[in-house]
Amino acid sequence: APAERRHGTDDGRRPAVDEGHRARPTPVGPVELGELLREVAGRY
């Protein structure tokens, strides 16, 4: 949460924290909810 405020980017990537707790950009992208719901429902 504080890393996002310090290292926020404007290129569609969101800062994350790696194993050493250092801020690094994690890519985010478009997600289709219908497909994701079918995948999760298929587990049960």
ModelCIF file with pLDDT and N, C-alpha, C, O atoms, coordinates in Angstrom:
data_MODEL
#
_entry.id   MODEL 
#
_entity.id                         1 
_entity.type                       polymer 
_entity.pdbx_number_of_molecules   1 
#
_entity_poly.entity_id                      1 
_entity_poly.type                           'polypeptide(L)' 
_entity_poly.nstd_linkage                   no 
_entity_poly.nstd_monomer                   no 
_entity_poly.pdbx_seq_one_letter_code       APAERRHGTDDGRRPAVDEGHRARPTPVGPVELGELLREVAGRY 
_entity_poly.pdbx_seq_one_letter_code_can   APAERRHGTDDGRRPAVDEGHRARPTPVGPVELGELLREVAGRY 
_entity_poly.pdbx_strand_id                 A 
#
loop_
_entity_poly_seq.entity_id 
_entity_poly_seq.num 
_entity_poly_seq.mon_id 
_entity_poly_seq.hetero 
1 1  ALA n 
1 2  PRO n 
1 3  ALA n 
1 4  GLU n 
1 5  ARG n 
1 6  ARG n 
1 7  HIS n 
1 8  GLY n 
1 9  THR n 
1 10 ASP n 
1 11 ASP n 
1 12 GLY n 
1 13 ARG n 
1 14 ARG n 
1 15 PRO n 
1 16 ALA n 
1 17 VAL n 
1 18 ASP n 
1 19 GLU n 
1 20 GLY n 
1 21 HIS n 
1 22 ARG n 
1 23 ALA n 
1 24 ARG n 
1 25 PRO n 
1 26 THR n 
1 27 PRO n 
1 28 VAL n 
1 29 GLY n 
1 30 PRO n 
1 31 VAL n 
1 32 GLU n 
1 33 LEU n 
1 34 GLY n 
1 35 GLU n 
1 36 LEU n 
1 37 LEU n 
1 38 ARG n 
1 39 GLU n 
1 40 VAL n 
1 41 ALA n 
1 42 GLY n 
1 43 ARG n 
1 44 TYR n 
#
_struct_asym.id          A 
_struct_asym.entity_id   1 
#
loop_
_ma_qa_metric.id 
_ma_qa_metric.mode 
_ma_qa_metric.name 
_ma_qa_metric.software_group_id 
_ma_qa_metric.type 
1 global pLDDT . pLDDT 
2 local  pLDDT . pLDDT 
#
_ma_qa_metric_global.metric_id      1 
_ma_qa_metric_global.metric_value   61.98 
_ma_qa_metric_global.model_id       1 
_ma_qa_metric_global.ordinal_id     1 
#
loop_
_ma_qa_metric_local.label_asym_id 
_ma_qa_metric_local.label_comp_id 
_ma_qa_metric_local.label_seq_id 
_ma_qa_metric_local.metric_id 
_ma_qa_metric_local.metric_value 
_ma_qa_metric_local.model_id 
_ma_qa_metric_local.ordinal_id 
A ALA 1  2 63.00 1 1  
A PRO 2  2 57.00 1 2  
A ALA 3  2 52.00 1 3  
A GLU 4  2 56.00 1 4  
A ARG 5  2 48.00 1 5  
A ARG 6  2 48.00 1 6  
A HIS 7  2 49.00 1 7  
A GLY 8  2 49.00 1 8  
A THR 9  2 47.00 1 9  
A ASP 10 2 42.00 1 10 
A ASP 11 2 44.00 1 11 
A GLY 12 2 42.00 1 12 
A ARG 13 2 44.00 1 13 
A ARG 14 2 50.00 1 14 
A PRO 15 2 46.00 1 15 
A ALA 16 2 44.00 1 16 
A VAL 17 2 40.00 1 17 
A ASP 18 2 41.00 1 18 
A GLU 19 2 39.00 1 19 
A GLY 20 2 37.00 1 20 
A HIS 21 2 37.00 1 21 
A ARG 22 2 38.00 1 22 
A ALA 23 2 38.00 1 23 
A ARG 24 2 38.00 1 24 
A PRO 25 2 41.00 1 25 
A THR 26 2 49.00 1 26 
A PRO 27 2 49.00 1 27 
A VAL 28 2 72.00 1 28 
A GLY 29 2 76.00 1 29 
A PRO 30 2 88.00 1 30 
A VAL 31 2 90.00 1 31 
A GLU 32 2 90.00 1 32 
A LEU 33 2 90.00 1 33 
A GLY 34 2 88.00 1 34 
A GLU 35 2 90.00 1 35 
A LEU 36 2 91.00 1 36 
A LEU 37 2 91.00 1 37 
A ARG 38 2 91.00 1 38 
A GLU 39 2 91.00 1 39 
A VAL 40 2 92.00 1 40 
A ALA 41 2 90.00 1 41 
A GLY 42 2 90.00 1 42 
A ARG 43 2 90.00 1 43 
A TYR 44 2 89.00 1 44 
#
loop_
_atom_site.group_PDB 
_atom_site.id 
_atom_site.type_symbol 
_atom_site.label_atom_id 
_atom_site.label_alt_id 
_atom_site.label_comp_id 
_atom_site.label_asym_id 
_atom_site.label_entity_id 
_atom_site.label_seq_id 
_atom_site.pdbx_PDB_ins_code 
_atom_site.Cartn_x 
_atom_site.Cartn_y 
_atom_site.Cartn_z 
_atom_site.occupancy 
_atom_site.B_iso_or_equiv 
_atom_site.pdbx_formal_charge 
_atom_site.auth_seq_id 
_atom_site.auth_comp_id 
_atom_site.auth_asym_id 
_atom_site.auth_atom_id 
_atom_site.pdbx_PDB_model_num 
ATOM 1   N N  . ALA A 1 1  ? 0.819   -1.214  0.000   1.00 63.00 ? 1  ALA A N  1 
ATOM 2   C CA . ALA A 1 1  ? 0.000   0.000   0.000   1.00 63.00 ? 1  ALA A CA 1 
ATOM 3   C C  . ALA A 1 1  ? 0.851   1.262   0.000   1.00 63.00 ? 1  ALA A C  1 
ATOM 4   O O  . ALA A 1 1  ? 0.637   2.115   -0.861  1.00 63.00 ? 1  ALA A O  1 
ATOM 5   N N  . PRO A 1 2  ? 1.828   1.438   0.935   1.00 57.00 ? 2  PRO A N  1 
ATOM 6   C CA . PRO A 1 2  ? 2.678   2.623   0.844   1.00 57.00 ? 2  PRO A CA 1 
ATOM 7   C C  . PRO A 1 2  ? 3.599   2.588   -0.358  1.00 57.00 ? 2  PRO A C  1 
ATOM 8   O O  . PRO A 1 2  ? 3.962   3.638   -0.888  1.00 57.00 ? 2  PRO A O  1 
ATOM 9   N N  . ALA A 1 3  ? 3.995   1.370   -0.808  1.00 52.00 ? 3  ALA A N  1 
ATOM 10  C CA . ALA A 1 3  ? 4.869   1.302   -1.984  1.00 52.00 ? 3  ALA A CA 1 
ATOM 11  C C  . ALA A 1 3  ? 4.160   1.826   -3.214  1.00 52.00 ? 3  ALA A C  1 
ATOM 12  O O  . ALA A 1 3  ? 4.786   2.456   -4.067  1.00 52.00 ? 3  ALA A O  1 
ATOM 13  N N  . GLU A 1 4  ? 2.836   1.572   -3.325  1.00 56.00 ? 4  GLU A N  1 
ATOM 14  C CA . GLU A 1 4  ? 2.088   2.083   -4.464  1.00 56.00 ? 4  GLU A CA 1 
ATOM 15  C C  . GLU A 1 4  ? 2.065   3.604   -4.460  1.00 56.00 ? 4  GLU A C  1 
ATOM 16  O O  . GLU A 1 4  ? 2.114   4.226   -5.522  1.00 56.00 ? 4  GLU A O  1 
ATOM 17  N N  . ARG A 1 5  ? 1.991   4.212   -3.279  1.00 48.00 ? 5  ARG A N  1 
ATOM 18  C CA . ARG A 1 5  ? 1.984   5.670   -3.227  1.00 48.00 ? 5  ARG A CA 1 
ATOM 19  C C  . ARG A 1 5  ? 3.340   6.247   -3.567  1.00 48.00 ? 5  ARG A C  1 
ATOM 20  O O  . ARG A 1 5  ? 3.426   7.351   -4.104  1.00 48.00 ? 5  ARG A O  1 
ATOM 21  N N  . ARG A 1 6  ? 4.408   5.513   -3.260  1.00 48.00 ? 6  ARG A N  1 
ATOM 22  C CA . ARG A 1 6  ? 5.748   6.043   -3.531  1.00 48.00 ? 6  ARG A CA 1 
ATOM 23  C C  . ARG A 1 6  ? 6.192   5.769   -4.953  1.00 48.00 ? 6  ARG A C  1 
ATOM 24  O O  . ARG A 1 6  ? 6.905   6.579   -5.546  1.00 48.00 ? 6  ARG A O  1 
ATOM 25  N N  . HIS A 1 7  ? 5.781   4.632   -5.513  1.00 49.00 ? 7  HIS A N  1 
ATOM 26  C CA . HIS A 1 7  ? 6.306   4.210   -6.822  1.00 49.00 ? 7  HIS A CA 1 
ATOM 27  C C  . HIS A 1 7  ? 5.210   4.019   -7.845  1.00 49.00 ? 7  HIS A C  1 
ATOM 28  O O  . HIS A 1 7  ? 5.396   3.265   -8.800  1.00 49.00 ? 7  HIS A O  1 
ATOM 29  N N  . GLY A 1 8  ? 4.045   4.691   -7.676  1.00 49.00 ? 8  GLY A N  1 
ATOM 30  C CA . GLY A 1 8  ? 2.956   4.514   -8.622  1.00 49.00 ? 8  GLY A CA 1 
ATOM 31  C C  . GLY A 1 8  ? 3.387   4.874   -10.033 1.00 49.00 ? 8  GLY A C  1 
ATOM 32  O O  . GLY A 1 8  ? 4.157   5.813   -10.235 1.00 49.00 ? 8  GLY A O  1 
ATOM 33  N N  . THR A 1 9  ? 2.881   4.114   -11.022 1.00 47.00 ? 9  THR A N  1 
ATOM 34  C CA . THR A 1 9  ? 3.238   4.342   -12.411 1.00 47.00 ? 9  THR A CA 1 
ATOM 35  C C  . THR A 1 9  ? 1.994   4.666   -13.201 1.00 47.00 ? 9  THR A C  1 
ATOM 36  O O  . THR A 1 9  ? 0.879   4.418   -12.741 1.00 47.00 ? 9  THR A O  1 
ATOM 37  N N  . ASP A 1 10 ? 2.174   5.219   -14.387 1.00 42.00 ? 10 ASP A N  1 
ATOM 38  C CA . ASP A 1 10 ? 1.083   5.595   -15.261 1.00 42.00 ? 10 ASP A CA 1 
ATOM 39  C C  . ASP A 1 10 ? 1.068   4.776   -16.542 1.00 42.00 ? 10 ASP A C  1 
ATOM 40  O O  . ASP A 1 10 ? 0.441   5.179   -17.521 1.00 42.00 ? 10 ASP A O  1 
ATOM 41  N N  . ASP A 1 11 ? 1.754   3.625   -16.552 1.00 44.00 ? 11 ASP A N  1 
ATOM 42  C CA . ASP A 1 11 ? 1.841   2.856   -17.783 1.00 44.00 ? 11 ASP A CA 1 
ATOM 43  C C  . ASP A 1 11 ? 1.033   1.567   -17.694 1.00 44.00 ? 11 ASP A C  1 
ATOM 44  O O  . ASP A 1 11 ? 1.327   0.594   -18.389 1.00 44.00 ? 11 ASP A O  1 
ATOM 45  N N  . GLY A 1 12 ? 0.007   1.562   -16.831 1.00 42.00 ? 12 GLY A N  1 
ATOM 46  C CA . GLY A 1 12 ? -0.839  0.363   -16.741 1.00 42.00 ? 12 GLY A CA 1 
ATOM 47  C C  . GLY A 1 12 ? -0.248  -0.712  -15.877 1.00 42.00 ? 12 GLY A C  1 
ATOM 48  O O  . GLY A 1 12 ? -0.743  -1.839  -15.893 1.00 42.00 ? 12 GLY A O  1 
ATOM 49  N N  . ARG A 1 13 ? 0.788   -0.421  -15.124 1.00 44.00 ? 13 ARG A N  1 
ATOM 50  C CA . ARG A 1 13 ? 1.370   -1.429  -14.246 1.00 44.00 ? 13 ARG A CA 1 
ATOM 51  C C  . ARG A 1 13 ? 1.218   -0.962  -12.813 1.00 44.00 ? 13 ARG A C  1 
ATOM 52  O O  . ARG A 1 13 ? 1.194   0.236   -12.531 1.00 44.00 ? 13 ARG A O  1 
ATOM 53  N N  . ARG A 1 14 ? 1.117   -1.927  -11.911 1.00 50.00 ? 14 ARG A N  1 
ATOM 54  C CA . ARG A 1 14 ? 0.900   -1.624  -10.511 1.00 50.00 ? 14 ARG A CA 1 
ATOM 55  C C  . ARG A 1 14 ? 2.082   -2.128  -9.703  1.00 50.00 ? 14 ARG A C  1 
ATOM 56  O O  . ARG A 1 14 ? 2.497   -3.273  -9.879  1.00 50.00 ? 14 ARG A O  1 
ATOM 57  N N  . PRO A 1 15 ? 2.647   -1.287  -8.806  1.00 46.00 ? 15 PRO A N  1 
ATOM 58  C CA . PRO A 1 15 ? 3.786   -1.762  -8.033  1.00 46.00 ? 15 PRO A CA 1 
ATOM 59  C C  . PRO A 1 15 ? 3.393   -2.914  -7.123  1.00 46.00 ? 15 PRO A C  1 
ATOM 60  O O  . PRO A 1 15 ? 2.292   -2.938  -6.572  1.00 46.00 ? 15 PRO A O  1 
ATOM 61  N N  . ALA A 1 16 ? 4.278   -3.841  -6.978  1.00 44.00 ? 16 ALA A N  1 
ATOM 62  C CA . ALA A 1 16 ? 4.093   -4.948  -6.037  1.00 44.00 ? 16 ALA A CA 1 
ATOM 63  C C  . ALA A 1 16 ? 5.354   -5.099  -5.217  1.00 44.00 ? 16 ALA A C  1 
ATOM 64  O O  . ALA A 1 16 ? 6.305   -4.335  -5.378  1.00 44.00 ? 16 ALA A O  1 
ATOM 65  N N  . VAL A 1 17 ? 5.363   -6.092  -4.330  1.00 40.00 ? 17 VAL A N  1 
ATOM 66  C CA . VAL A 1 17 ? 6.504   -6.305  -3.446  1.00 40.00 ? 17 VAL A CA 1 
ATOM 67  C C  . VAL A 1 17 ? 7.032   -7.698  -3.685  1.00 40.00 ? 17 VAL A C  1 
ATOM 68  O O  . VAL A 1 17 ? 6.277   -8.668  -3.616  1.00 40.00 ? 17 VAL A O  1 
ATOM 69  N N  . ASP A 1 18 ? 8.303   -7.813  -3.963  1.00 41.00 ? 18 ASP A N  1 
ATOM 70  C CA . ASP A 1 18 ? 8.881   -9.120  -4.227  1.00 41.00 ? 18 ASP A CA 1 
ATOM 71  C C  . ASP A 1 18 ? 9.255   -9.794  -2.920  1.00 41.00 ? 18 ASP A C  1 
ATOM 72  O O  . ASP A 1 18 ? 8.910   -9.326  -1.835  1.00 41.00 ? 18 ASP A O  1 
ATOM 73  N N  . GLU A 1 19 ? 9.979   -10.922 -3.052  1.00 39.00 ? 19 GLU A N  1 
ATOM 74  C CA . GLU A 1 19 ? 10.307  -11.692 -1.856  1.00 39.00 ? 19 GLU A CA 1 
ATOM 75  C C  . GLU A 1 19 ? 11.153  -10.893 -0.883  1.00 39.00 ? 19 GLU A C  1 
ATOM 76  O O  . GLU A 1 19 ? 11.099  -11.139 0.322   1.00 39.00 ? 19 GLU A O  1 
ATOM 77  N N  . GLY A 1 20 ? 11.931  -9.947  -1.374  1.00 37.00 ? 20 GLY A N  1 
ATOM 78  C CA . GLY A 1 20 ? 12.760  -9.123  -0.482  1.00 37.00 ? 20 GLY A CA 1 
ATOM 79  C C  . GLY A 1 20 ? 12.058  -7.861  -0.056  1.00 37.00 ? 20 GLY A C  1 
ATOM 80  O O  . GLY A 1 20 ? 12.693  -6.947  0.471   1.00 37.00 ? 20 GLY A O  1 
ATOM 81  N N  . HIS A 1 21 ? 10.718  -7.787  -0.279  1.00 37.00 ? 21 HIS A N  1 
ATOM 82  C CA . HIS A 1 21 ? 9.922   -6.627  0.113   1.00 37.00 ? 21 HIS A CA 1 
ATOM 83  C C  . HIS A 1 21 ? 10.398  -5.371  -0.571  1.00 37.00 ? 21 HIS A C  1 
ATOM 84  O O  . HIS A 1 21 ? 10.386  -4.298  0.032   1.00 37.00 ? 21 HIS A O  1 
ATOM 85  N N  . ARG A 1 22 ? 10.821  -5.478  -1.827  1.00 38.00 ? 22 ARG A N  1 
ATOM 86  C CA . ARG A 1 22 ? 11.180  -4.308  -2.604  1.00 38.00 ? 22 ARG A CA 1 
ATOM 87  C C  . ARG A 1 22 ? 10.111  -4.074  -3.652  1.00 38.00 ? 22 ARG A C  1 
ATOM 88  O O  . ARG A 1 22 ? 9.611   -5.018  -4.265  1.00 38.00 ? 22 ARG A O  1 
ATOM 89  N N  . ALA A 1 23 ? 9.755   -2.791  -3.859  1.00 38.00 ? 23 ALA A N  1 
ATOM 90  C CA . ALA A 1 23 ? 8.684   -2.480  -4.799  1.00 38.00 ? 23 ALA A CA 1 
ATOM 91  C C  . ALA A 1 23 ? 9.127   -2.812  -6.214  1.00 38.00 ? 23 ALA A C  1 
ATOM 92  O O  . ALA A 1 23 ? 10.214  -2.419  -6.637  1.00 38.00 ? 23 ALA A O  1 
ATOM 93  N N  . ARG A 1 24 ? 8.289   -3.533  -6.944  1.00 38.00 ? 24 ARG A N  1 
ATOM 94  C CA . ARG A 1 24 ? 8.557   -3.833  -8.343  1.00 38.00 ? 24 ARG A CA 1 
ATOM 95  C C  . ARG A 1 24 ? 7.227   -3.766  -9.081  1.00 38.00 ? 24 ARG A C  1 
ATOM 96  O O  . ARG A 1 24 ? 6.199   -4.077  -8.481  1.00 38.00 ? 24 ARG A O  1 
ATOM 97  N N  . PRO A 1 25 ? 7.195   -3.377  -10.357 1.00 41.00 ? 25 PRO A N  1 
ATOM 98  C CA . PRO A 1 25 ? 5.933   -3.286  -11.065 1.00 41.00 ? 25 PRO A CA 1 
ATOM 99  C C  . PRO A 1 25 ? 5.402   -4.656  -11.445 1.00 41.00 ? 25 PRO A C  1 
ATOM 100 O O  . PRO A 1 25 ? 6.112   -5.471  -12.034 1.00 41.00 ? 25 PRO A O  1 
ATOM 101 N N  . THR A 1 26 ? 4.128   -4.902  -11.098 1.00 49.00 ? 26 THR A N  1 
ATOM 102 C CA . THR A 1 26 ? 3.465   -6.135  -11.495 1.00 49.00 ? 26 THR A CA 1 
ATOM 103 C C  . THR A 1 26 ? 2.489   -5.822  -12.622 1.00 49.00 ? 26 THR A C  1 
ATOM 104 O O  . THR A 1 26 ? 1.623   -4.964  -12.449 1.00 49.00 ? 26 THR A O  1 
ATOM 105 N N  . PRO A 1 27 ? 2.596   -6.489  -13.773 1.00 49.00 ? 27 PRO A N  1 
ATOM 106 C CA . PRO A 1 27 ? 1.708   -6.149  -14.886 1.00 49.00 ? 27 PRO A CA 1 
ATOM 107 C C  . PRO A 1 27 ? 0.272   -6.534  -14.582 1.00 49.00 ? 27 PRO A C  1 
ATOM 108 O O  . PRO A 1 27 ? 0.022   -7.604  -14.028 1.00 49.00 ? 27 PRO A O  1 
ATOM 109 N N  . VAL A 1 28 ? -0.660  -5.688  -14.932 1.00 72.00 ? 28 VAL A N  1 
ATOM 110 C CA . VAL A 1 28 ? -2.077  -5.984  -14.840 1.00 72.00 ? 28 VAL A CA 1 
ATOM 111 C C  . VAL A 1 28 ? -2.655  -5.794  -16.233 1.00 72.00 ? 28 VAL A C  1 
ATOM 112 O O  . VAL A 1 28 ? -2.119  -5.042  -17.047 1.00 72.00 ? 28 VAL A O  1 
ATOM 113 N N  . GLY A 1 29 ? -3.725  -6.468  -16.487 1.00 76.00 ? 29 GLY A N  1 
ATOM 114 C CA . GLY A 1 29 ? -4.294  -6.378  -17.817 1.00 76.00 ? 29 GLY A CA 1 
ATOM 115 C C  . GLY A 1 29 ? -5.769  -6.667  -17.798 1.00 76.00 ? 29 GLY A C  1 
ATOM 116 O O  . GLY A 1 29 ? -6.351  -6.856  -16.730 1.00 76.00 ? 29 GLY A O  1 
ATOM 117 N N  . PRO A 1 30 ? -6.383  -6.704  -18.957 1.00 88.00 ? 30 PRO A N  1 
ATOM 118 C CA . PRO A 1 30 ? -7.819  -6.987  -19.027 1.00 88.00 ? 30 PRO A CA 1 
ATOM 119 C C  . PRO A 1 30 ? -8.121  -8.422  -18.614 1.00 88.00 ? 30 PRO A C  1 
ATOM 120 O O  . PRO A 1 30 ? -7.427  -9.360  -19.006 1.00 88.00 ? 30 PRO A O  1 
ATOM 121 N N  . VAL A 1 31 ? -9.167  -8.568  -17.817 1.00 90.00 ? 31 VAL A N  1 
ATOM 122 C CA . VAL A 1 31 ? -9.608  -9.886  -17.331 1.00 90.00 ? 31 VAL A CA 1 
ATOM 123 C C  . VAL A 1 31 ? -11.088 -10.027 -17.680 1.00 90.00 ? 31 VAL A C  1 
ATOM 124 O O  . VAL A 1 31 ? -11.887 -9.131  -17.406 1.00 90.00 ? 31 VAL A O  1 
ATOM 125 N N  . GLU A 1 32 ? -11.447 -11.163 -18.289 1.00 90.00 ? 32 GLU A N  1 
ATOM 126 C CA . GLU A 1 32 ? -12.845 -11.423 -18.638 1.00 90.00 ? 32 GLU A CA 1 
ATOM 127 C C  . GLU A 1 32 ? -13.493 -12.185 -17.490 1.00 90.00 ? 32 GLU A C  1 
ATOM 128 O O  . GLU A 1 32 ? -13.130 -13.326 -17.204 1.00 90.00 ? 32 GLU A O  1 
ATOM 129 N N  . LEU A 1 33 ? -14.468 -11.536 -16.830 1.00 90.00 ? 33 LEU A N  1 
ATOM 130 C CA . LEU A 1 33 ? -15.046 -12.104 -15.622 1.00 90.00 ? 33 LEU A CA 1 
ATOM 131 C C  . LEU A 1 33 ? -15.803 -13.401 -15.888 1.00 90.00 ? 33 LEU A C  1 
ATOM 132 O O  . LEU A 1 33 ? -15.751 -14.317 -15.067 1.00 90.00 ? 33 LEU A O  1 
ATOM 133 N N  . GLY A 1 34 ? -16.504 -13.500 -17.012 1.00 88.00 ? 34 GLY A N  1 
ATOM 134 C CA . GLY A 1 34 ? -17.248 -14.731 -17.283 1.00 88.00 ? 34 GLY A CA 1 
ATOM 135 C C  . GLY A 1 34 ? -16.340 -15.938 -17.333 1.00 88.00 ? 34 GLY A C  1 
ATOM 136 O O  . GLY A 1 34 ? -16.649 -16.971 -16.740 1.00 88.00 ? 34 GLY A O  1 
ATOM 137 N N  . GLU A 1 35 ? -15.230 -15.825 -18.028 1.00 90.00 ? 35 GLU A N  1 
ATOM 138 C CA . GLU A 1 35 ? -14.281 -16.937 -18.093 1.00 90.00 ? 35 GLU A CA 1 
ATOM 139 C C  . GLU A 1 35 ? -13.694 -17.245 -16.730 1.00 90.00 ? 35 GLU A C  1 
ATOM 140 O O  . GLU A 1 35 ? -13.516 -18.409 -16.369 1.00 90.00 ? 35 GLU A O  1 
ATOM 141 N N  . LEU A 1 36 ? -13.392 -16.185 -15.963 1.00 91.00 ? 36 LEU A N  1 
ATOM 142 C CA . LEU A 1 36 ? -12.819 -16.393 -14.635 1.00 91.00 ? 36 LEU A CA 1 
ATOM 143 C C  . LEU A 1 36 ? -13.826 -17.068 -13.711 1.00 91.00 ? 36 LEU A C  1 
ATOM 144 O O  . LEU A 1 36 ? -13.451 -17.940 -12.927 1.00 91.00 ? 36 LEU A O  1 
ATOM 145 N N  . LEU A 1 37 ? -15.095 -16.681 -13.791 1.00 91.00 ? 37 LEU A N  1 
ATOM 146 C CA . LEU A 1 37 ? -16.117 -17.320 -12.951 1.00 91.00 ? 37 LEU A CA 1 
ATOM 147 C C  . LEU A 1 37 ? -16.306 -18.781 -13.326 1.00 91.00 ? 37 LEU A C  1 
ATOM 148 O O  . LEU A 1 37 ? -16.467 -19.628 -12.447 1.00 91.00 ? 37 LEU A O  1 
ATOM 149 N N  . ARG A 1 38 ? -16.288 -19.095 -14.635 1.00 91.00 ? 38 ARG A N  1 
ATOM 150 C CA . ARG A 1 38 ? -16.422 -20.493 -15.040 1.00 91.00 ? 38 ARG A CA 1 
ATOM 151 C C  . ARG A 1 38 ? -15.249 -21.322 -14.529 1.00 91.00 ? 38 ARG A C  1 
ATOM 152 O O  . ARG A 1 38 ? -15.427 -22.469 -14.121 1.00 91.00 ? 38 ARG A O  1 
ATOM 153 N N  . GLU A 1 39 ? -14.058 -20.748 -14.552 1.00 91.00 ? 39 GLU A N  1 
ATOM 154 C CA . GLU A 1 39 ? -12.886 -21.487 -14.049 1.00 91.00 ? 39 GLU A CA 1 
ATOM 155 C C  . GLU A 1 39 ? -13.016 -21.767 -12.563 1.00 91.00 ? 39 GLU A C  1 
ATOM 156 O O  . GLU A 1 39 ? -12.732 -22.877 -12.111 1.00 91.00 ? 39 GLU A O  1 
ATOM 157 N N  . VAL A 1 40 ? -13.446 -20.763 -11.796 1.00 92.00 ? 40 VAL A N  1 
ATOM 158 C CA . VAL A 1 40 ? -13.575 -20.953 -10.348 1.00 92.00 ? 40 VAL A CA 1 
ATOM 159 C C  . VAL A 1 40 ? -14.718 -21.921 -10.039 1.00 92.00 ? 40 VAL A C  1 
ATOM 160 O O  . VAL A 1 40 ? -14.572 -22.795 -9.185  1.00 92.00 ? 40 VAL A O  1 
ATOM 161 N N  . ALA A 1 41 ? -15.856 -21.772 -10.729 1.00 90.00 ? 41 ALA A N  1 
ATOM 162 C CA . ALA A 1 41 ? -16.992 -22.668 -10.453 1.00 90.00 ? 41 ALA A CA 1 
ATOM 163 C C  . ALA A 1 41 ? -16.659 -24.105 -10.818 1.00 90.00 ? 41 ALA A C  1 
ATOM 164 O O  . ALA A 1 41 ? -17.202 -25.033 -10.218 1.00 90.00 ? 41 ALA A O  1 
ATOM 165 N N  . GLY A 1 42 ? -15.775 -24.309 -11.794 1.00 90.00 ? 42 GLY A N  1 
ATOM 166 C CA . GLY A 1 42 ? -15.404 -25.665 -12.181 1.00 90.00 ? 42 GLY A CA 1 
ATOM 167 C C  . GLY A 1 42 ? -14.650 -26.416 -11.111 1.00 90.00 ? 42 GLY A C  1 
ATOM 168 O O  . GLY A 1 42 ? -14.529 -27.638 -11.189 1.00 90.00 ? 42 GLY A O  1 
ATOM 169 N N  . ARG A 1 43 ? -14.142 -25.726 -10.123 1.00 90.00 ? 43 ARG A N  1 
ATOM 170 C CA . ARG A 1 43 ? -13.419 -26.400 -9.036  1.00 90.00 ? 43 ARG A CA 1 
ATOM 171 C C  . ARG A 1 43 ? -14.364 -27.081 -8.056  1.00 90.00 ? 43 ARG A C  1 
ATOM 172 O O  . ARG A 1 43 ? -13.934 -27.946 -7.293  1.00 90.00 ? 43 ARG A O  1 
ATOM 173 N N  . TYR A 1 44 ? -15.639 -26.711 -8.059  1.00 89.00 ? 44 TYR A N  1 
ATOM 174 C CA . TYR A 1 44 ? -16.558 -27.183 -7.037  1.00 89.00 ? 44 TYR A CA 1 
ATOM 175 C C  . TYR A 1 44 ? -17.702 -27.940 -7.714  1.00 89.00 ? 44 TYR A C  1 
ATOM 176 O O  . TYR A 1 44 ? -18.604 -28.432 -7.036  1.00 89.00 ? 44 TYR A O  1 
#
